[in-house]
Amino acid sequence: MNFLKKCSISAIKTGVIYLILITFISSCGLYKKSDARKTPSNATERAKKNVEEGRGVSIAKAFKRNNTFEFSTSNPMWRASLEVLDFLPLSNVDYSGGVIITDWYNDSTNLKESIKITVRFLSNEIRTNSIKIVVHRKNCVTDRNCQVLKIDSKIEEALTKSILTKAIDLKKSDKNKKK
């Protein structure tokens, strides 16, 4: 008899816990209230409205192919940047992220000073504002005592000009190859 009391008490406790959980879950606002006057009564119209609002899936759009792929070899700005920066060791090259980051580089005249260049692609168009170049300088007093600063230098301007000039040349040569 004592065993049945314990089982029924634990069953009641479990039931109460489940009831509380269901109450909390259902009151979280998972279901959005809608105005029936604004919702079309016809199922086809309702589905069309949901797709237009981005809340549904259209089978035609799901199977529609988009053949506008752009590869790094077809982007003259990307190719020009890699060719201009080919003398520097590269630490990160990510075409999909639109960034090229060089490793720390020094020209052996001053071993305590190095530069790092970051090229960010803002657009595929060959324009001055399509890329952003950032130069950092690292000055080291000792191996463990270094200071890194973003600098505004003529390097950014010179690299931008070189990359744009090279990109224009590459685009012209690509057009000549297609003829």
Foldseek 3Di string as FASTA:
>chain_A
DVVVVVVVVVVVVVVVVVVVVVVVVVPPCPDDDDDPVPADPDPVVNQVVCVVVVNHDDPCVVPDDDPPDDDLVNQLLSVLLCVVCVVFAWDDDDVVQQKTKTDWDDPPPDPQKTKIKMKGAQDSDLDLVRIFIWMKMWGAPDPPRIDIDTDDDCVRVVSSVSSSVRSVVVVVVVVVVVD
